[in-house]
C-alpha atoms as a PDB file:
ATOM      1  CA  UNK A   1      62.077 108.023  98.498  1.00  0.00           C
ATOM      2  CA  UNK A   2      64.504 110.397  96.826  1.00  0.00           C
ATOM      3  CA  UNK A   3      65.793 111.497 100.226  1.00  0.00           C
ATOM      4  CA  UNK A   4      66.442 107.869 101.146  1.00  0.00           C
ATOM      5  CA  UNK A   5      68.241 107.285  97.831  1.00  0.00           C
ATOM      6  CA  UNK A   6      70.520 110.290  98.272  1.00  0.00           C
ATOM      7  CA  UNK A   7      71.183 109.298 101.868  1.00  0.00           C
ATOM      8  CA  UNK A   8      72.287 105.823 100.735  1.00  0.00           C
ATOM      9  CA  UNK A   9      74.527 107.328  98.009  1.00  0.00           C
ATOM     10  CA  UNK A  10      76.062 109.694 100.554  1.00  0.00           C
ATOM     11  CA  UNK A  11      76.747 106.850 102.956  1.00  0.00           C
ATOM     12  CA  UNK A  12      78.356 104.776 100.188  1.00  0.00           C
ATOM     13  CA  UNK A  13      80.558 107.721  99.207  1.00  0.00           C
ATOM     14  CA  UNK A  14      81.529 108.232 102.841  1.00  0.00           C
ATOM     15  CA  UNK A  15      82.497 104.574 103.178  1.00  0.00           C
ATOM     16  CA  UNK A  16      84.553 104.763  99.973  1.00  0.00           C
ATOM     17  CA  UNK A  17      86.369 107.890 101.112  1.00  0.00           C
ATOM     18  CA  UNK A  18      87.027 106.320 104.531  1.00  0.00           C
ATOM     19  CA  UNK A  19      88.372 103.150 102.886  1.00  0.00           C
ATOM     20  CA  UNK A  20      90.638 105.141 100.606  1.00  0.00           C
ATOM     21  CA  UNK A  21      91.967 107.208 103.475  1.00  0.00           C
ATOM     22  CA  UNK A  22      92.647 104.022 105.447  1.00  0.00           C
ATOM     23  CA  UNK A  23      95.489 103.014 103.120  1.00  0.00           C
ATOM     24  CA  UNK A  24      98.901 102.705 104.721  1.00  0.00           C
ATOM     25  CA  UNK A  25     101.218 104.881 102.632  1.00  0.00           C
ATOM     26  CA  UNK A  26     104.792 103.590 102.415  1.00  0.00           C
ATOM     27  CA  UNK A  27     107.371 105.861 100.796  1.00  0.00           C
ATOM     28  CA  UNK A  28     110.602 104.450  99.382  1.00  0.00           C
ATOM     29  CA  UNK A  29     113.680 106.564  98.628  1.00  0.00           C
ATOM     30  CA  UNK A  30     115.923 104.418  96.426  1.00  0.00           C
ATOM     31  CA  UNK A  31     119.454 105.214  95.257  1.00  0.00           C
ATOM     32  CA  UNK A  32     118.803 104.637  91.555  1.00  0.00           C
ATOM     33  CA  UNK A  33     119.396 101.721  89.203  1.00  0.00           C
ATOM     34  CA  UNK A  34     123.170 101.430  88.902  1.00  0.00           C
ATOM     35  CA  UNK A  35     123.278  97.630  88.724  1.00  0.00           C
ATOM     36  CA  UNK A  36     121.337  94.396  88.205  1.00  0.00           C
ATOM     37  CA  UNK A  37     121.343  93.983  91.996  1.00  0.00           C
ATOM     38  CA  UNK A  38     119.714  97.371  92.519  1.00  0.00           C
ATOM     39  CA  UNK A  39     117.042  96.651  89.914  1.00  0.00           C
ATOM     40  CA  UNK A  40     116.194  93.364  91.640  1.00  0.00           C
ATOM     41  CA  UNK A  41     116.102  95.125  95.015  1.00  0.00           C
ATOM     42  CA  UNK A  42     113.746  97.819  93.724  1.00  0.00           C
ATOM     43  CA  UNK A  43     111.434  95.409  91.918  1.00  0.00           C
ATOM     44  CA  UNK A  44     111.216  93.091  94.944  1.00  0.00           C
ATOM     45  CA  UNK A  45     110.186  95.829  97.371  1.00  0.00           C
ATOM     46  CA  UNK A  46     107.924  97.727  94.975  1.00  0.00           C
ATOM     47  CA  UNK A  47     106.039  94.589  93.958  1.00  0.00           C
ATOM     48  CA  UNK A  48     105.518  93.439  97.545  1.00  0.00           C
ATOM     49  CA  UNK A  49     104.200  96.806  98.695  1.00  0.00           C
ATOM     50  CA  UNK A  50     102.040  97.508  95.651  1.00  0.00           C
ATOM     51  CA  UNK A  51     100.410  94.088  95.862  1.00  0.00           C
ATOM     52  CA  UNK A  52      99.768  94.186  99.599  1.00  0.00           C
ATOM     53  CA  UNK A  53      96.090  94.814 100.466  1.00  0.00           C
ATOM     54  CA  UNK A  54      95.602  98.225 102.024  1.00  0.00           C
ATOM     55  CA  UNK A  55      99.082  99.513 101.243  1.00  0.00           C
ATOM     56  CA  UNK A  56     100.057 102.277  98.842  1.00  0.00           C
ATOM     57  CA  UNK A  57     103.590 102.934  97.552  1.00  0.00           C
ATOM     58  CA  UNK A  58     105.158 106.344  96.945  1.00  0.00           C
ATOM     59  CA  UNK A  59     108.448 105.688  95.138  1.00  0.00           C
ATOM     60  CA  UNK A  60     111.326 108.025  94.308  1.00  0.00           C
ATOM     61  CA  UNK A  61     114.437 107.166  92.252  1.00  0.00           C
ATOM     62  CA  UNK A  62     117.367 109.253  93.447  1.00  0.00           C
ATOM     63  CA  UNK A  63     119.378 108.722  90.226  1.00  0.00           C
ATOM     64  CA  UNK A  64     122.592 108.308  92.251  1.00  0.00           C
ATOM     65  CA  UNK A  65     122.381 111.866  93.629  1.00  0.00           C
ATOM     66  CA  UNK A  66     122.214 112.629  97.344  1.00  0.00           C
ATOM     67  CA  UNK A  67     120.477 115.958  96.762  1.00  0.00           C
ATOM     68  CA  UNK A  68     117.635 114.141  94.969  1.00  0.00           C
ATOM     69  CA  UNK A  69     117.165 111.803  97.911  1.00  0.00           C
ATOM     70  CA  UNK A  70     117.176 114.632 100.451  1.00  0.00           C
ATOM     71  CA  UNK A  71     114.482 116.392  98.428  1.00  0.00           C
ATOM     72  CA  UNK A  72     112.453 113.164  98.235  1.00  0.00           C
ATOM     73  CA  UNK A  73     112.629 112.620 102.013  1.00  0.00           C
ATOM     74  CA  UNK A  74     111.353 116.144 102.621  1.00  0.00           C
ATOM     75  CA  UNK A  75     108.542 115.573 100.120  1.00  0.00           C
ATOM     76  CA  UNK A  76     107.589 112.401 102.010  1.00  0.00           C
ATOM     77  CA  UNK A  77     107.378 114.435 105.216  1.00  0.00           C
ATOM     78  CA  UNK A  78     105.134 116.989 103.514  1.00  0.00           C
ATOM     79  CA  UNK A  79     102.889 114.172 102.273  1.00  0.00           C
ATOM     80  CA  UNK A  80     102.676 112.816 105.837  1.00  0.00           C
ATOM     81  CA  UNK A  81     103.291 109.216 104.736  1.00  0.00           C
ATOM     82  CA  UNK A  82     102.953 106.383 107.258  1.00  0.00           C
ATOM     83  CA  UNK A  83     106.397 104.783 106.791  1.00  0.00           C
ATOM     84  CA  UNK A  84     109.629 105.657 104.999  1.00  0.00           C
ATOM     85  CA  UNK A  85     112.001 103.066 103.526  1.00  0.00           C
ATOM     86  CA  UNK A  86     115.421 104.591 102.960  1.00  0.00           C
ATOM     87  CA  UNK A  87     118.587 103.492 101.173  1.00  0.00           C
ATOM     88  CA  UNK A  88     121.278 106.190 101.023  1.00  0.00           C
ATOM     89  CA  UNK A  89     123.598 106.548  98.039  1.00  0.00           C
ATOM     90  CA  UNK A  90     126.487 107.429 100.413  1.00  0.00           C
ATOM     91  CA  UNK A  91     126.965 107.022 104.152  1.00  0.00           C
ATOM     92  CA  UNK A  92     127.427 110.646 105.204  1.00  0.00           C
ATOM     93  CA  UNK A  93     125.371 113.816 105.036  1.00  0.00           C
ATOM     94  CA  UNK A  94     121.994 112.524 106.233  1.00  0.00           C
ATOM     95  CA  UNK A  95     121.947 113.833 109.811  1.00  0.00           C
ATOM     96  CA  UNK A  96     119.750 116.871 109.227  1.00  0.00           C
ATOM     97  CA  UNK A  97     117.097 115.379 106.946  1.00  0.00           C
ATOM     98  CA  UNK A  98     116.723 112.149 108.943  1.00  0.00           C
ATOM     99  CA  UNK A  99     116.273 114.194 112.120  1.00  0.00           C
ATOM    100  CA  UNK A 100     113.481 115.994 110.262  1.00  0.00           C
ATOM    101  CA  UNK A 101     111.895 112.597 109.568  1.00  0.00           C
ATOM    102  CA  UNK A 102     112.152 111.818 113.299  1.00  0.00           C
ATOM    103  CA  UNK A 103     110.617 115.181 114.232  1.00  0.00           C
ATOM    104  CA  UNK A 104     107.702 114.412 111.896  1.00  0.00           C
ATOM    105  CA  UNK A 105     107.270 111.127 113.837  1.00  0.00           C
ATOM    106  CA  UNK A 106     107.280 109.035 110.664  1.00  0.00           C
ATOM    107  CA  UNK A 107     108.652 105.525 111.320  1.00  0.00           C
ATOM    108  CA  UNK A 108     111.914 105.063 109.413  1.00  0.00           C
ATOM    109  CA  UNK A 109     113.167 101.720 108.070  1.00  0.00           C
ATOM    110  CA  UNK A 110     116.761 101.518 106.822  1.00  0.00           C
ATOM    111  CA  UNK A 111     117.296  99.142 103.905  1.00  0.00           C
ATOM    112  CA  UNK A 112     120.596  97.823 102.494  1.00  0.00           C
ATOM    113  CA  UNK A 113     122.904 100.728 103.371  1.00  0.00           C
ATOM    114  CA  UNK A 114     123.105 102.117 106.879  1.00  0.00           C
ATOM    115  CA  UNK A 115     123.997 105.836 107.246  1.00  0.00           C
ATOM    116  CA  UNK A 116     126.838 106.791 109.559  1.00  0.00           C
ATOM    117  CA  UNK A 117     124.430 108.836 111.690  1.00  0.00           C
ATOM    118  CA  UNK A 118     122.377 105.757 112.582  1.00  0.00           C
ATOM    119  CA  UNK A 119     123.391 105.983 116.249  1.00  0.00           C
ATOM    120  CA  UNK A 120     122.125 109.586 116.407  1.00  0.00           C
ATOM    121  CA  UNK A 121     118.680 109.079 114.863  1.00  0.00           C
ATOM    122  CA  UNK A 122     115.613 106.969 115.559  1.00  0.00           C
ATOM    123  CA  UNK A 123     114.624 104.132 113.253  1.00  0.00           C
ATOM    124  CA  UNK A 124     112.204 101.286 113.816  1.00  0.00           C
ATOM    125  CA  UNK A 125     114.159  98.572 111.973  1.00  0.00           C
ATOM    126  CA  UNK A 126     117.191  98.090 109.721  1.00  0.00           C
ATOM    127  CA  UNK A 127     118.059  95.441 107.150  1.00  0.00           C
ATOM    128  CA  UNK A 128     121.378  95.092 105.355  1.00  0.00           C
ATOM    129  CA  UNK A 129     124.175  92.853 104.203  1.00  0.00           C
ATOM    130  CA  UNK A 130     127.266  92.263 106.334  1.00  0.00           C
ATOM    131  CA  UNK A 131     129.523  94.212 103.988  1.00  0.00           C
ATOM    132  CA  UNK A 132     132.720  93.661 105.969  1.00  0.00           C
ATOM    133  CA  UNK A 133     132.144  89.905 105.981  1.00  0.00           C
ATOM    134  CA  UNK A 134     131.352  89.955 102.251  1.00  0.00           C
ATOM    135  CA  UNK A 135     134.655  91.711 101.560  1.00  0.00           C
ATOM    136  CA  UNK A 136     136.517  89.221 103.751  1.00  0.00           C
ATOM    137  CA  UNK A 137     134.917  86.295 101.936  1.00  0.00           C
ATOM    138  CA  UNK A 138     135.989  87.664  98.556  1.00  0.00           C
ATOM    139  CA  UNK A 139     139.680  87.739  99.409  1.00  0.00           C
ATOM    140  CA  UNK A 140     139.547  84.571 101.504  1.00  0.00           C
ATOM    141  CA  UNK A 141     137.997  82.697  98.583  1.00  0.00           C
ATOM    142  CA  UNK A 142     140.809  83.846  96.276  1.00  0.00           C
ATOM    143  CA  UNK A 143     143.448  82.833  98.822  1.00  0.00           C
ATOM    144  CA  UNK A 144     141.917  79.400  99.439  1.00  0.00           C
ATOM    145  CA  UNK A 145     141.351  78.801  95.729  1.00  0.00           C
ATOM    146  CA  UNK A 146     145.008  79.528  94.996  1.00  0.00           C
ATOM    147  CA  UNK A 147     145.954  77.005  97.697  1.00  0.00           C
ATOM    148  CA  UNK A 148     143.710  74.481  95.985  1.00  0.00           C
ATOM    149  CA  UNK A 149     145.594  75.143  92.738  1.00  0.00           C
ATOM    150  CA  UNK A 150     148.907  74.555  94.540  1.00  0.00           C
ATOM    151  CA  UNK A 151     149.814  78.259  94.319  1.00  0.00           C
ATOM    152  CA  UNK A 152     149.312  79.202  97.949  1.00  0.00           C
ATOM    153  CA  UNK A 153     152.970  80.092  98.424  1.00  0.00           C
ATOM    154  CA  UNK A 154     153.348  82.056  95.188  1.00  0.00           C
ATOM    155  CA  UNK A 155     153.201  85.853  95.143  1.00  0.00           C
ATOM    156  CA  UNK A 156     150.219  86.983  93.065  1.00  0.00           C
ATOM    157  CA  UNK A 157     149.141  90.492  92.076  1.00  0.00           C
ATOM    158  CA  UNK A 158     145.674  91.560  93.204  1.00  0.00           C
ATOM    159  CA  UNK A 159     143.571  94.561  92.179  1.00  0.00           C
ATOM    160  CA  UNK A 160     140.501  95.724  94.093  1.00  0.00           C
ATOM    161  CA  UNK A 161     137.743  97.437  92.136  1.00  0.00           C
ATOM    162  CA  UNK A 162     135.759  99.409  94.690  1.00  0.00           C
ATOM    163  CA  UNK A 163     132.154 100.565  94.563  1.00  0.00           C
ATOM    164  CA  UNK A 164     130.817 104.109  94.876  1.00  0.00           C
ATOM    165  CA  UNK A 165     133.195 105.976  97.169  1.00  0.00           C
ATOM    166  CA  UNK A 166     131.590 106.643 100.535  1.00  0.00           C
ATOM    167  CA  UNK A 167     128.765 104.121 100.126  1.00  0.00           C
ATOM    168  CA  UNK A 168     128.525 101.827 103.131  1.00  0.00           C
ATOM    169  CA  UNK A 169     128.809  98.801 100.801  1.00  0.00           C
ATOM    170  CA  UNK A 170     132.107 100.203  99.500  1.00  0.00           C
ATOM    171  CA  UNK A 171     133.571 101.152 102.859  1.00  0.00           C
ATOM    172  CA  UNK A 172     132.540  97.861 104.464  1.00  0.00           C
ATOM    173  CA  UNK A 173     133.749  95.626 101.649  1.00  0.00           C
ATOM    174  CA  UNK A 174     137.024  97.534 101.393  1.00  0.00           C
ATOM    175  CA  UNK A 175     137.553  97.060 105.120  1.00  0.00           C
ATOM    176  CA  UNK A 176     136.881  93.337 104.751  1.00  0.00           C
ATOM    177  CA  UNK A 177     139.089  93.065 101.657  1.00  0.00           C
ATOM    178  CA  UNK A 178     142.062  94.735 103.320  1.00  0.00           C
ATOM    179  CA  UNK A 179     141.734  92.817 106.591  1.00  0.00           C
ATOM    180  CA  UNK A 180     141.652  89.501 104.732  1.00  0.00           C
ATOM    181  CA  UNK A 181     144.729  90.393 102.673  1.00  0.00           C
ATOM    182  CA  UNK A 182     146.697  90.349 105.928  1.00  0.00           C
ATOM    183  CA  UNK A 183     145.756  86.673 106.308  1.00  0.00           C
ATOM    184  CA  UNK A 184     147.138  85.871 102.851  1.00  0.00           C
ATOM    185  CA  UNK A 185     150.536  87.632 102.627  1.00  0.00           C
ATOM    186  CA  UNK A 186     151.229  86.211  99.160  1.00  0.00           C
ATOM    187  CA  UNK A 187     148.344  88.262  97.749  1.00  0.00           C
ATOM    188  CA  UNK A 188     149.987  91.554  96.798  1.00  0.00           C
ATOM    189  CA  UNK A 189     147.722  94.579  96.286  1.00  0.00           C
ATOM    190  CA  UNK A 190     148.872  96.423  93.143  1.00  0.00           C
ATOM    191  CA  UNK A 191     145.763  98.449  92.254  1.00  0.00           C
ATOM    192  CA  UNK A 192     142.759  99.920  94.067  1.00  0.00           C
ATOM    193  CA  UNK A 193     140.208 102.178  92.361  1.00  0.00           C
ATOM    194  CA  UNK A 194     136.475 102.916  92.266  1.00  0.00           C
ATOM    195  CA  UNK A 195     134.345 101.583  89.424  1.00  0.00           C
ATOM    196  CA  UNK A 196     131.229 103.199  90.963  1.00  0.00           C
ATOM    197  CA  UNK A 197     129.325  99.887  91.017  1.00  0.00           C
ATOM    198  CA  UNK A 198     128.557 100.144  87.265  1.00  0.00           C
ATOM    199  CA  UNK A 199     129.447  97.823  84.390  1.00  0.00           C
ATOM    200  CA  UNK A 200     130.648 100.653  82.143  1.00  0.00           C
ATOM    201  CA  UNK A 201     133.044 102.064  84.746  1.00  0.00           C
ATOM    202  CA  UNK A 202     134.200  98.577  85.683  1.00  0.00           C
ATOM    203  CA  UNK A 203     135.210  98.042  82.067  1.00  0.00           C
ATOM    204  CA  UNK A 204     136.960 101.422  81.899  1.00  0.00           C
ATOM    205  CA  UNK A 205     138.941 100.870  85.108  1.00  0.00           C
ATOM    206  CA  UNK A 206     140.039  97.409  83.972  1.00  0.00           C
ATOM    207  CA  UNK A 207     141.136  98.764  80.586  1.00  0.00           C
ATOM    208  CA  UNK A 208     143.269 101.340  82.392  1.00  0.00           C
ATOM    209  CA  UNK A 209     144.810  98.753  84.726  1.00  0.00           C
ATOM    210  CA  UNK A 210     145.658  96.383  81.882  1.00  0.00           C
ATOM    211  CA  UNK A 211     147.643  99.187  80.250  1.00  0.00           C
ATOM    212  CA  UNK A 212     149.386 100.433  83.396  1.00  0.00           C
ATOM    213  CA  UNK A 213     149.951  97.324  85.547  1.00  0.00           C
ATOM    214  CA  UNK A 214     152.356  94.757  84.031  1.00  0.00           C
ATOM    215  CA  UNK A 215     150.723  91.699  85.624  1.00  0.00           C
ATOM    216  CA  UNK A 216     147.309  91.159  87.231  1.00  0.00           C
ATOM    217  CA  UNK A 217     146.502  87.725  88.640  1.00  0.00           C
ATOM    218  CA  UNK A 218     143.334  88.349  90.697  1.00  0.00           C
ATOM    219  CA  UNK A 219     140.512  90.870  90.392  1.00  0.00           C
ATOM    220  CA  UNK A 220     138.367  91.516  93.467  1.00  0.00           C
ATOM    221  CA  UNK A 221     135.327  93.459  92.226  1.00  0.00           C
ATOM    222  CA  UNK A 222     132.996  94.788  94.915  1.00  0.00           C
ATOM    223  CA  UNK A 223     129.962  94.000  92.796  1.00  0.00           C
ATOM    224  CA  UNK A 224     129.178  91.698  89.894  1.00  0.00           C
ATOM    225  CA  UNK A 225     128.359  94.452  87.417  1.00  0.00           C
ATOM    226  CA  UNK A 226     131.889  95.835  87.660  1.00  0.00           C
ATOM    227  CA  UNK A 227     133.268  92.293  87.347  1.00  0.00           C
ATOM    228  CA  UNK A 228     131.217  91.738  84.197  1.00  0.00           C
ATOM    229  CA  UNK A 229     132.453  95.004  82.721  1.00  0.00           C
ATOM    230  CA  UNK A 230     136.022  93.979  83.569  1.00  0.00           C
ATOM    231  CA  UNK A 231     135.492  90.672  81.743  1.00  0.00           C
ATOM    232  CA  UNK A 232     134.740  92.613  78.548  1.00  0.00           C
ATOM    233  CA  UNK A 233     137.965  94.589  78.964  1.00  0.00           C
ATOM    234  CA  UNK A 234     140.001  91.450  79.648  1.00  0.00           C
ATOM    235  CA  UNK A 235     138.664  89.732  76.529  1.00  0.00           C
ATOM    236  CA  UNK A 236     139.311  92.827  74.427  1.00  0.00           C
ATOM    237  CA  UNK A 237     142.926  92.779  75.631  1.00  0.00           C
ATOM    238  CA  UNK A 238     143.336  89.226  74.335  1.00  0.00           C
ATOM    239  CA  UNK A 239     143.373  87.575  77.754  1.00  0.00           C
ATOM    240  CA  UNK A 240     141.146  84.790  79.079  1.00  0.00           C
ATOM    241  CA  UNK A 241     138.936  85.868  82.001  1.00  0.00           C
ATOM    242  CA  UNK A 242     138.653  83.245  84.714  1.00  0.00           C
ATOM    243  CA  UNK A 243     142.006  81.725  83.729  1.00  0.00           C
ATOM    244  CA  UNK A 244     144.583  84.417  83.027  1.00  0.00           C
ATOM    245  CA  UNK A 245     142.911  86.563  85.667  1.00  0.00           C
ATOM    246  CA  UNK A 246     140.905  85.080  88.551  1.00  0.00           C
ATOM    247  CA  UNK A 247     137.721  87.111  88.998  1.00  0.00           C
ATOM    248  CA  UNK A 248     135.783  87.343  92.272  1.00  0.00           C
ATOM    249  CA  UNK A 249     132.584  89.408  92.293  1.00  0.00           C
ATOM    250  CA  UNK A 250     129.946  90.215  94.854  1.00  0.00           C
ATOM    251  CA  UNK A 251     126.096  90.264  94.936  1.00  0.00           C
ATOM    252  CA  UNK A 252     125.434  86.938  93.131  1.00  0.00           C
ATOM    253  CA  UNK A 253     123.204  88.250  90.341  1.00  0.00           C
ATOM    254  CA  UNK A 254     122.055  85.843  87.629  1.00  0.00           C
ATOM    255  CA  UNK A 255     124.500  87.250  85.066  1.00  0.00           C
ATOM    256  CA  UNK A 256     127.378  86.372  87.405  1.00  0.00           C
ATOM    257  CA  UNK A 257     126.125  82.784  87.652  1.00  0.00           C
ATOM    258  CA  UNK A 258     126.000  82.646  83.840  1.00  0.00           C
ATOM    259  CA  UNK A 259     129.590  83.921  83.662  1.00  0.00           C
ATOM    260  CA  UNK A 260     130.783  81.362  86.234  1.00  0.00           C
ATOM    261  CA  UNK A 261     129.097  78.493  84.377  1.00  0.00           C
ATOM    262  CA  UNK A 262     130.693  79.786  81.160  1.00  0.00           C
ATOM    263  CA  UNK A 263     134.131  79.738  82.848  1.00  0.00           C
ATOM    264  CA  UNK A 264     134.666  83.506  82.546  1.00  0.00           C
ATOM    265  CA  UNK A 265     134.241  84.310  86.235  1.00  0.00           C
ATOM    266  CA  UNK A 266     135.375  82.298  89.219  1.00  0.00           C
ATOM    267  CA  UNK A 267     133.292  83.274  92.221  1.00  0.00           C
ATOM    268  CA  UNK A 268     130.563  85.585  93.474  1.00  0.00           C
ATOM    269  CA  UNK A 269     129.837  86.354  97.121  1.00  0.00           C
ATOM    270  CA  UNK A 270     126.140  86.733  97.851  1.00  0.00           C
ATOM    271  CA  UNK A 271     124.474  89.933  99.029  1.00  0.00           C
ATOM    272  CA  UNK A 272     120.758  89.401  98.598  1.00  0.00           C
ATOM    273  CA  UNK A 273     118.600  92.227  97.222  1.00  0.00           C
ATOM    274  CA  UNK A 274     115.402  90.434  98.239  1.00  0.00           C
ATOM    275  CA  UNK A 275     114.412  92.370 101.342  1.00  0.00           C
ATOM    276  CA  UNK A 276     110.634  92.249 100.929  1.00  0.00           C
ATOM    277  CA  UNK A 277     110.457  89.019 102.934  1.00  0.00           C
ATOM    278  CA  UNK A 278     111.883  90.934 105.910  1.00  0.00           C
ATOM    279  CA  UNK A 279     110.382  94.403 105.352  1.00  0.00           C
ATOM    280  CA  UNK A 280     106.759  93.352 104.791  1.00  0.00           C
ATOM    281  CA  UNK A 281     106.300  91.292 107.993  1.00  0.00           C
ATOM    282  CA  UNK A 282     108.142  93.981 109.950  1.00  0.00           C
ATOM    283  CA  UNK A 283     105.693  96.684 108.849  1.00  0.00           C
ATOM    284  CA  UNK A 284     102.793  94.327 109.556  1.00  0.00           C
ATOM    285  CA  UNK A 285     104.223  93.761 113.047  1.00  0.00           C
ATOM    286  CA  UNK A 286     104.686  97.498 113.597  1.00  0.00           C
ATOM    287  CA  UNK A 287     101.039  97.987 112.656  1.00  0.00           C
ATOM    288  CA  UNK A 288     100.155  95.518 115.425  1.00  0.00           C
ATOM    289  CA  UNK A 289     102.115  97.597 117.903  1.00  0.00           C
ATOM    290  CA  UNK A 290     105.224  95.404 118.069  1.00  0.00           C
ATOM    291  CA  UNK A 291     108.661  96.985 118.454  1.00  0.00           C
ATOM    292  CA  UNK A 292     112.141  96.077 117.206  1.00  0.00           C
ATOM    293  CA  UNK A 293     115.558  97.007 118.503  1.00  0.00           C
ATOM    294  CA  UNK A 294     118.163  98.840 116.429  1.00  0.00           C
ATOM    295  CA  UNK A 295     120.141  95.723 115.497  1.00  0.00           C
ATOM    296  CA  UNK A 296     120.753  95.493 111.754  1.00  0.00           C
ATOM    297  CA  UNK A 297     119.165  92.294 110.446  1.00  0.00           C
ATOM    298  CA  UNK A 298     121.559  90.388 108.148  1.00  0.00           C
ATOM    299  CA  UNK A 299     120.077  87.715 105.849  1.00  0.00           C
ATOM    300  CA  UNK A 300     121.903  84.406 105.489  1.00  0.00           C
ATOM    301  CA  UNK A 301     124.034  84.550 102.350  1.00  0.00           C
ATOM    302  CA  UNK A 302     126.221  82.133 100.422  1.00  0.00           C
ATOM    303  CA  UNK A 303     129.302  81.988  98.194  1.00  0.00           C
ATOM    304  CA  UNK A 304     129.086  80.481  94.714  1.00  0.00           C
ATOM    305  CA  UNK A 305     131.893  79.308  92.456  1.00  0.00           C
ATOM    306  CA  UNK A 306     132.903  76.846  89.739  1.00  0.00           C
ATOM    307  CA  UNK A 307     133.237  73.653  91.782  1.00  0.00           C
ATOM    308  CA  UNK A 308     132.052  74.315  95.341  1.00  0.00           C
ATOM    309  CA  UNK A 309     133.548  73.030  98.586  1.00  0.00           C
ATOM    310  CA  UNK A 310     135.968  75.836  99.459  1.00  0.00           C
ATOM    311  CA  UNK A 311     135.902  76.389 103.220  1.00  0.00           C
ATOM    312  CA  UNK A 312     135.818  80.049 104.256  1.00  0.00           C
ATOM    313  CA  UNK A 313     135.287  79.410 107.947  1.00  0.00           C
ATOM    314  CA  UNK A 314     131.788  80.835 108.257  1.00  0.00           C
ATOM    315  CA  UNK A 315     130.537  79.187 105.068  1.00  0.00           C
ATOM    316  CA  UNK A 316     131.518  76.720 102.330  1.00  0.00           C
ATOM    317  CA  UNK A 317     131.223  77.650  98.677  1.00  0.00           C
ATOM    318  CA  UNK A 318     128.467  76.125  96.539  1.00  0.00           C
ATOM    319  CA  UNK A 319     128.820  75.092  92.907  1.00  0.00           C
ATOM    320  CA  UNK A 320     127.014  77.786  90.892  1.00  0.00           C
ATOM    321  CA  UNK A 321     125.831  75.368  88.200  1.00  0.00           C
ATOM    322  CA  UNK A 322     123.990  73.299  90.814  1.00  0.00           C
ATOM    323  CA  UNK A 323     121.753  76.165  91.946  1.00  0.00           C
ATOM    324  CA  UNK A 324     121.528  78.527  88.980  1.00  0.00           C
ATOM    325  CA  UNK A 325     118.028  77.319  88.102  1.00  0.00           C
ATOM    326  CA  UNK A 326     116.744  78.328  91.536  1.00  0.00           C
ATOM    327  CA  UNK A 327     118.005  81.911  91.483  1.00  0.00           C
ATOM    328  CA  UNK A 328     115.370  84.640  91.637  1.00  0.00           C
ATOM    329  CA  UNK A 329     117.512  87.517  90.410  1.00  0.00           C
END
């Protein structure tokens, strides 16, 4: 009887060990938490993976340092994880470590930012915003809004607050910003500087501009956190944000909607952080043996402002106050 008992216990333990080892381990190398957008992006993916039956998350916060992310990727390889989700803090410098991921035959999914070596490495899927189009929409909205105000033929001074230098979001949005400026010759670029995608640096850059540039009419901020920091600087200088200076952000975080409704910000161009709805079914499909091509999947994204109705060609703006209650981040 005792032999039977111990045999049953052994079988139960074997089943438990087999079940535990059957978990799909998904590793996620994230940039850090430089903004509200990034926090929402991290929380969305972590929650979806952690709550998925049979999946286990290994998460690493790079703290805005490329060397931390390279170390994390190599640790993932050592752990022999099943999948790697990767968002790079900058575009360059990933060739060697991502080739190591390929050599380890670990499926790689690119999320949000696409490295410049993407055409030289293997990845099973990629998801990201259309950064060039987002940058174009920012400037186009400002140009069309000024026309709506009857100021389309007036020369206005524009400053562009860029994100982290070398990040694909920065390079893409800058490209879109500058291309669109050619379509609106009355928008004169008088300042261009990085605010590193953070609220604190956005405030500092705006403080510097307000002291050194005699007149600023429009601020194009490549994310909402920098725009919100700039609003603090504008108020401290005795000016009225949203009126004395037109402010166009990017990302469409909840705090930007609050600022638009309050009249302190004019527009935000959407770049969704909610990638779990794309990543989760993709991994499920990969587990079933399905394959994807190397096309970057762009979610549908909107533009939100004070009144709505501004035609940007590919999209019309939506009144922020009408949809603020539905926002998830």
